[in-house]
Amino acid sequence: MERLSDYDIGNSYEAVVKQTTPITPPDAKDEVRHIVLEIAQPGFDFIVGQSVGVLAPGDAELGEKHHFRLYSVASSTLGDDGKSKTISICVKRCSYIDEVSGERVLGRASNYLCDLKPGDRISMTGPYGHQFTVPKDRTANLLMVGLGTGVAPFRAFVKHIYDTAGGWEGKVRLFYGAQRGVELLYMNDENNDLANYVDDETFKAFEAVSPHPALDEPAALDEALEQHGQEVWEMIQDPNTYVYLAGQPKVVENFDAALAKIAGSEDEWRKAKARLDATGRWAELVY
């Protein structure tokens, strides 16, 4: 996994907030916002699957000029305006408990972004990354797995292959989750963008939710995968299948555990995963 310090942030540019909308219900545990940005940089271009950097104001007391964070682009190259003038990012308002003081500390970049208003201007860098991209072959199968805001690049994937590219012939399977069904990003009452594609014969989305959300148990991704284990394993065995995982490291752990059960053993899954990796059909976007 790459470190943020590995990224070049020397060439920054300005973006203007065109829209910022909550995509989780008011009573959700976590606030997540869909933010549409107009890029002011002449010649700015990106490919689906890339990320952009945000330079939030740094901590002056620490001599920090910027606070740098990466966010997956959640829109196709056409942008949400359909005119290739904007990009979108999906941002969860974060906080954590300081181990020393025991106090709750607000995540600097996420709260900065979630507090922005239309018309505000921010500094950005990138785009970055070329490994998390859609294959050119429309007959390829795509197995996409993401939890929480990890679904953001897959929103971009789906919009790209069905809107920009004009359709897809291979299987497109998305496994994604949240603690509660009403909090499933881009598939809830606040924003149901992904629901626009469920009638396409090649696309299916499978939801993973927490069995006990009141106890803060995570989404049961492993159970969702195992319920569709036969199709998942058939796709894994197909040499024309590409696998993508996005989200926090736990998503990879859950996927590995589920696939070991589906494959019959950890060794069998390890060999299958090695084949995917060796042939360039395995990609992780872990943060």
Protein backbone atom coordinates (compact mmCIF):
# COMPACT_ATOMS: atom_id res chain seq x y z
CA MET A 1 0.00 0.00 0.00
CA GLU A 2 1.39 3.38 -1.06
CA ARG A 3 1.93 6.12 1.51
CA LEU A 4 0.56 9.63 1.07
CA SER A 5 4.12 10.94 1.30
CA ASP A 6 4.87 9.07 -1.95
CA TYR A 7 2.60 11.36 -3.97
CA ASP A 8 3.80 14.46 -5.80
CA ILE A 9 1.67 17.44 -4.75
CA GLY A 10 3.88 20.09 -6.32
CA ASN A 11 1.51 20.92 -9.15
CA SER A 12 -1.71 22.06 -7.53
CA TYR A 13 -4.72 23.68 -9.18
CA GLU A 14 -8.03 25.19 -8.16
CA ALA A 15 -11.50 23.68 -8.16
CA VAL A 16 -14.86 25.26 -7.44
CA VAL A 17 -17.59 23.48 -5.47
CA LYS A 18 -20.65 23.26 -7.71
CA GLN A 19 -22.76 21.00 -5.52
CA THR A 20 -22.50 19.27 -2.15
CA THR A 21 -25.25 16.87 -1.14
CA PRO A 22 -25.68 14.42 1.76
CA ILE A 23 -26.23 10.89 0.44
CA THR A 24 -26.95 9.28 3.81
CA PRO A 25 -30.20 9.80 5.73
CA PRO A 26 -30.36 12.37 8.56
CA ASP A 27 -30.34 9.66 11.23
CA ALA A 28 -27.33 7.81 9.81
CA LYS A 29 -24.39 7.14 12.11
CA ASP A 30 -22.02 8.71 9.57
CA GLU A 31 -22.57 11.65 7.25
CA VAL A 32 -21.44 11.03 3.68
CA ARG A 33 -21.59 13.73 1.02
CA HIS A 34 -21.43 13.64 -2.77
CA ILE A 35 -19.41 16.69 -3.84
CA VAL A 36 -19.32 17.93 -7.43
CA LEU A 37 -16.27 19.98 -8.36
CA GLU A 38 -15.57 22.13 -11.41
CA ILE A 39 -11.87 21.98 -12.26
CA ALA A 40 -10.39 25.33 -13.21
CA GLN A 41 -7.13 23.83 -14.52
CA PRO A 42 -6.87 24.11 -18.34
CA GLY A 43 -6.36 20.71 -19.97
CA PHE A 44 -7.32 18.74 -16.87
CA ASP A 45 -8.07 15.16 -17.83
CA PHE A 46 -8.43 11.81 -16.07
CA ILE A 47 -9.41 8.21 -16.70
CA VAL A 48 -12.04 6.28 -14.78
CA GLY A 49 -10.57 4.64 -11.69
CA GLN A 50 -8.13 7.40 -10.83
CA SER A 51 -8.00 9.46 -7.63
CA VAL A 52 -7.45 13.15 -6.96
CA GLY A 53 -5.74 14.87 -4.07
CA VAL A 54 -7.26 17.52 -1.84
CA LEU A 55 -5.05 20.06 -0.07
CA ALA A 56 -6.99 21.05 3.03
CA PRO A 57 -5.61 23.87 5.21
CA GLY A 58 -2.76 22.61 7.41
CA ASP A 59 -2.12 23.04 11.11
CA ALA A 60 -0.28 26.37 11.45
CA GLU A 61 0.98 25.45 14.93
CA LEU A 62 2.74 22.44 13.45
CA GLY A 63 4.10 24.45 10.53
CA GLU A 64 1.90 22.42 8.19
CA LYS A 65 0.97 24.29 5.02
CA HIS A 66 -1.40 21.63 3.65
CA HIS A 67 -3.19 18.54 4.85
CA PHE A 68 -3.18 16.12 1.89
CA ARG A 69 -5.76 13.38 1.33
CA LEU A 70 -6.75 11.22 -1.64
CA TYR A 71 -10.29 10.65 -2.91
CA SER A 72 -11.47 8.35 -5.68
CA VAL A 73 -13.22 10.07 -8.56
CA ALA A 74 -16.86 8.92 -8.36
CA SER A 75 -17.94 10.14 -11.80
CA SER A 76 -17.25 9.09 -15.36
CA THR A 77 -15.15 11.28 -17.65
CA LEU A 78 -18.40 12.96 -18.72
CA GLY A 79 -18.89 14.21 -15.16
CA ASP A 80 -22.26 14.50 -13.46
CA ASP A 81 -23.09 17.40 -15.76
CA GLY A 82 -22.58 15.22 -18.85
CA LYS A 83 -20.32 17.91 -20.32
CA SER A 84 -16.91 16.76 -19.03
CA LYS A 85 -16.60 19.93 -16.92
CA THR A 86 -16.85 18.42 -13.45
CA ILE A 87 -15.67 15.53 -11.31
CA SER A 88 -17.33 14.12 -8.20
CA ILE A 89 -15.94 12.70 -4.97
CA CYS A 90 -17.62 10.83 -2.11
CA VAL A 91 -16.60 12.05 1.36
CA LYS A 92 -17.40 10.60 4.77
CA ARG A 93 -17.20 13.04 7.69
CA CYS A 94 -14.65 11.37 9.98
CA SER A 95 -13.51 11.63 13.57
CA TYR A 96 -11.35 9.57 15.89
CA ILE A 97 -10.46 9.27 19.57
CA ASP A 98 -7.01 10.62 20.45
CA GLU A 99 -5.10 7.83 22.20
CA VAL A 100 -3.33 10.26 24.53
CA SER A 101 -6.04 12.75 25.50
CA GLY A 102 -9.05 10.51 24.99
CA GLU A 103 -10.78 13.38 23.22
CA ARG A 104 -12.66 13.09 19.95
CA VAL A 105 -10.73 14.73 17.10
CA LEU A 106 -12.35 15.73 13.82
CA GLY A 107 -10.74 14.44 10.63
CA ARG A 108 -9.22 17.53 9.07
CA ALA A 109 -9.72 16.89 5.36
CA SER A 110 -13.12 15.19 5.56
CA ASN A 111 -14.67 17.85 7.80
CA TYR A 112 -13.14 20.61 5.70
CA LEU A 113 -14.74 19.13 2.59
CA CYS A 114 -18.09 18.34 4.21
CA ASP A 115 -18.37 21.93 5.46
CA LEU A 116 -17.83 23.48 2.03
CA LYS A 117 -20.60 25.40 0.28
CA PRO A 118 -21.31 25.88 -3.45
CA GLY A 119 -18.98 28.53 -4.80
CA ASP A 120 -16.13 27.73 -2.38
CA ARG A 121 -12.72 27.18 -3.95
CA ILE A 122 -10.25 24.47 -2.96
CA SER A 123 -6.74 23.37 -3.94
CA MET A 124 -6.31 19.99 -5.57
CA THR A 125 -3.62 17.79 -7.13
CA GLY A 126 -3.51 14.78 -9.40
CA PRO A 127 -5.05 12.75 -10.89
CA TYR A 128 -3.17 9.68 -9.65
CA GLY A 129 -3.18 5.97 -10.41
CA HIS A 130 -3.49 3.87 -13.53
CA GLN A 131 -3.88 0.34 -12.15
CA PHE A 132 -7.55 0.62 -11.16
CA THR A 133 -9.00 0.93 -14.65
CA VAL A 134 -11.75 -0.63 -16.75
CA PRO A 135 -10.52 -3.10 -19.41
CA LYS A 136 -11.07 -2.13 -23.03
CA ASP A 137 -12.68 -5.48 -23.87
CA ARG A 138 -16.45 -5.12 -23.44
CA THR A 139 -16.84 -8.89 -23.09
CA ALA A 140 -14.71 -8.91 -19.92
CA ASN A 141 -16.38 -9.79 -16.63
CA LEU A 142 -16.04 -7.27 -13.80
CA LEU A 143 -16.25 -8.35 -10.15
CA MET A 144 -16.30 -5.24 -7.96
CA VAL A 145 -16.27 -5.27 -4.16
CA GLY A 146 -16.40 -2.16 -1.97
CA LEU A 147 -17.63 -1.17 1.47
CA GLY A 148 -18.69 2.32 2.54
CA THR A 149 -17.13 5.03 0.39
CA GLY A 150 -15.22 2.24 -1.37
CA VAL A 151 -18.19 2.11 -3.74
CA ALA A 152 -17.20 5.53 -5.18
CA PRO A 153 -14.90 4.27 -7.97
CA PHE A 154 -17.50 1.65 -8.90
CA ARG A 155 -20.14 4.33 -9.39
CA ALA A 156 -17.67 5.78 -11.89
CA PHE A 157 -17.10 2.33 -13.46
CA VAL A 158 -20.81 1.67 -13.91
CA LYS A 159 -21.55 5.11 -15.33
CA HIS A 160 -18.60 4.75 -17.70
CA ILE A 161 -19.43 1.34 -19.14
CA TYR A 162 -23.16 1.91 -19.54
CA ASP A 163 -23.35 5.63 -20.33
CA THR A 164 -20.01 6.68 -21.84
CA ALA A 165 -19.01 3.36 -23.47
CA GLY A 166 -22.56 2.55 -24.55
CA GLY A 167 -23.04 -0.77 -22.78
CA TRP A 168 -21.24 -3.93 -21.65
CA GLU A 169 -21.41 -7.55 -22.81
CA GLY A 170 -19.60 -9.29 -19.94
CA LYS A 171 -20.97 -9.84 -16.45
CA VAL A 172 -20.80 -6.84 -14.12
CA ARG A 173 -21.24 -7.81 -10.47
CA LEU A 174 -21.04 -5.32 -7.60
CA PHE A 175 -20.89 -6.32 -3.91
CA TYR A 176 -21.15 -3.34 -1.60
CA GLY A 177 -22.38 -2.61 1.88
CA ALA A 178 -23.18 -0.46 4.87
CA GLN A 179 -24.44 -1.05 8.39
CA ARG A 180 -28.05 -0.45 7.37
CA GLY A 181 -29.83 -0.78 4.06
CA VAL A 182 -30.93 2.87 4.13
CA GLU A 183 -27.26 3.85 4.31
CA LEU A 184 -26.17 2.00 1.16
CA LEU A 185 -24.41 4.70 -0.82
CA TYR A 186 -25.90 5.55 -4.21
CA MET A 187 -28.71 3.07 -3.57
CA ASN A 188 -30.92 4.75 -0.98
CA ASP A 189 -33.63 7.40 -0.70
CA GLU A 190 -31.09 10.24 -0.69
CA ASN A 191 -29.33 9.14 -3.88
CA ASN A 192 -30.14 6.08 -5.97
CA ASP A 193 -27.84 6.53 -8.95
CA LEU A 194 -26.90 2.84 -9.11
CA ALA A 195 -30.57 1.86 -9.22
CA ASN A 196 -30.66 3.31 -12.74
CA TYR A 197 -28.68 0.32 -13.99
CA VAL A 198 -30.33 -2.64 -12.24
CA ASP A 199 -32.50 -3.32 -15.28
CA ASP A 200 -29.49 -3.80 -17.52
CA GLU A 201 -29.16 -7.51 -18.23
CA THR A 202 -25.41 -7.60 -17.56
CA PHE A 203 -25.44 -5.71 -14.24
CA LYS A 204 -26.31 -7.01 -10.78
CA ALA A 205 -25.67 -5.42 -7.39
CA PHE A 206 -25.62 -7.40 -4.16
CA GLU A 207 -26.04 -5.68 -0.81
CA ALA A 208 -24.20 -6.51 2.42
CA VAL A 209 -25.59 -5.04 5.63
CA SER A 210 -24.83 -5.51 9.30
CA PRO A 211 -26.75 -8.29 11.08
CA HIS A 212 -26.72 -6.16 14.25
CA PRO A 213 -26.25 -2.46 13.33
CA ALA A 214 -27.18 -1.31 16.84
CA LEU A 215 -24.10 -3.14 18.13
CA ASP A 216 -21.89 -1.53 15.46
CA GLU A 217 -21.24 -4.87 13.79
CA PRO A 218 -19.82 -4.36 10.29
CA ALA A 219 -21.60 -5.20 7.05
CA ALA A 220 -21.64 -8.96 6.42
CA LEU A 221 -19.69 -8.85 3.16
CA ASP A 222 -18.48 -12.44 3.57
CA GLU A 223 -22.06 -13.72 3.86
CA ALA A 224 -23.16 -11.83 0.74
CA LEU A 225 -20.26 -13.30 -1.23
CA GLU A 226 -20.88 -16.82 0.06
CA GLN A 227 -24.59 -16.61 -0.82
CA HIS A 228 -23.55 -16.09 -4.43
CA GLY A 229 -20.47 -18.27 -4.13
CA GLN A 230 -21.08 -20.43 -7.19
CA GLU A 231 -21.30 -17.49 -9.58
CA VAL A 232 -18.40 -15.69 -7.87
CA TRP A 233 -16.16 -18.75 -8.17
CA GLU A 234 -17.14 -19.31 -11.80
CA MET A 235 -16.19 -15.72 -12.52
CA ILE A 236 -12.88 -16.10 -10.69
CA GLN A 237 -12.09 -19.18 -12.80
CA ASP A 238 -12.91 -17.39 -16.05
CA PRO A 239 -9.70 -15.99 -17.65
CA ASN A 240 -11.68 -12.97 -18.84
CA THR A 241 -12.69 -11.79 -15.34
CA TYR A 242 -11.17 -8.75 -13.63
CA VAL A 243 -11.47 -8.31 -9.84
CA TYR A 244 -11.47 -4.94 -8.06
CA LEU A 245 -11.53 -4.28 -4.30
CA ALA A 246 -11.91 -0.81 -2.78
CA GLY A 247 -12.18 0.50 0.76
CA GLN A 248 -10.37 0.01 4.04
CA PRO A 249 -8.02 -3.00 4.48
CA LYS A 250 -10.86 -4.96 6.10
CA VAL A 251 -12.52 -5.35 2.70
CA VAL A 252 -9.55 -7.41 1.47
CA GLU A 253 -9.52 -9.51 4.64
CA ASN A 254 -13.24 -10.27 4.32
CA PHE A 255 -12.94 -11.07 0.63
CA ASP A 256 -10.01 -13.43 1.22
CA ALA A 257 -11.86 -15.22 4.03
CA ALA A 258 -15.02 -15.63 1.96
CA LEU A 259 -13.19 -16.81 -1.14
CA ALA A 260 -11.20 -19.37 0.84
CA LYS A 261 -14.51 -20.90 1.94
CA ILE A 262 -15.98 -20.71 -1.56
CA ALA A 263 -12.85 -22.24 -3.10
CA GLY A 264 -12.76 -25.03 -0.53
CA SER A 265 -9.43 -24.09 1.07
CA GLU A 266 -7.09 -21.18 1.65
CA ASP A 267 -4.49 -22.82 -0.60
CA GLU A 268 -6.93 -23.13 -3.52
CA TRP A 269 -7.91 -19.47 -3.20
CA ARG A 270 -4.28 -18.40 -2.84
CA LYS A 271 -3.44 -20.07 -6.16
CA ALA A 272 -6.45 -18.55 -7.91
CA LYS A 273 -5.61 -15.10 -6.54
CA ALA A 274 -2.01 -15.49 -7.72
CA ARG A 275 -3.25 -16.24 -11.24
CA LEU A 276 -5.42 -13.13 -11.21
CA ASP A 277 -2.53 -11.00 -10.02
CA ALA A 278 -0.01 -12.49 -12.46
CA THR A 279 -2.29 -11.80 -15.42
CA GLY A 280 -3.10 -8.23 -14.41
CA ARG A 281 -6.69 -8.99 -13.44
CA TRP A 282 -6.50 -8.16 -9.72
CA ALA A 283 -6.57 -4.59 -8.39
CA GLU A 284 -6.91 -3.09 -4.91
CA LEU A 285 -7.62 0.50 -3.93
CA VAL A 286 -7.10 0.33 -0.18
CA TYR A 287 -6.86 3.35 2.12
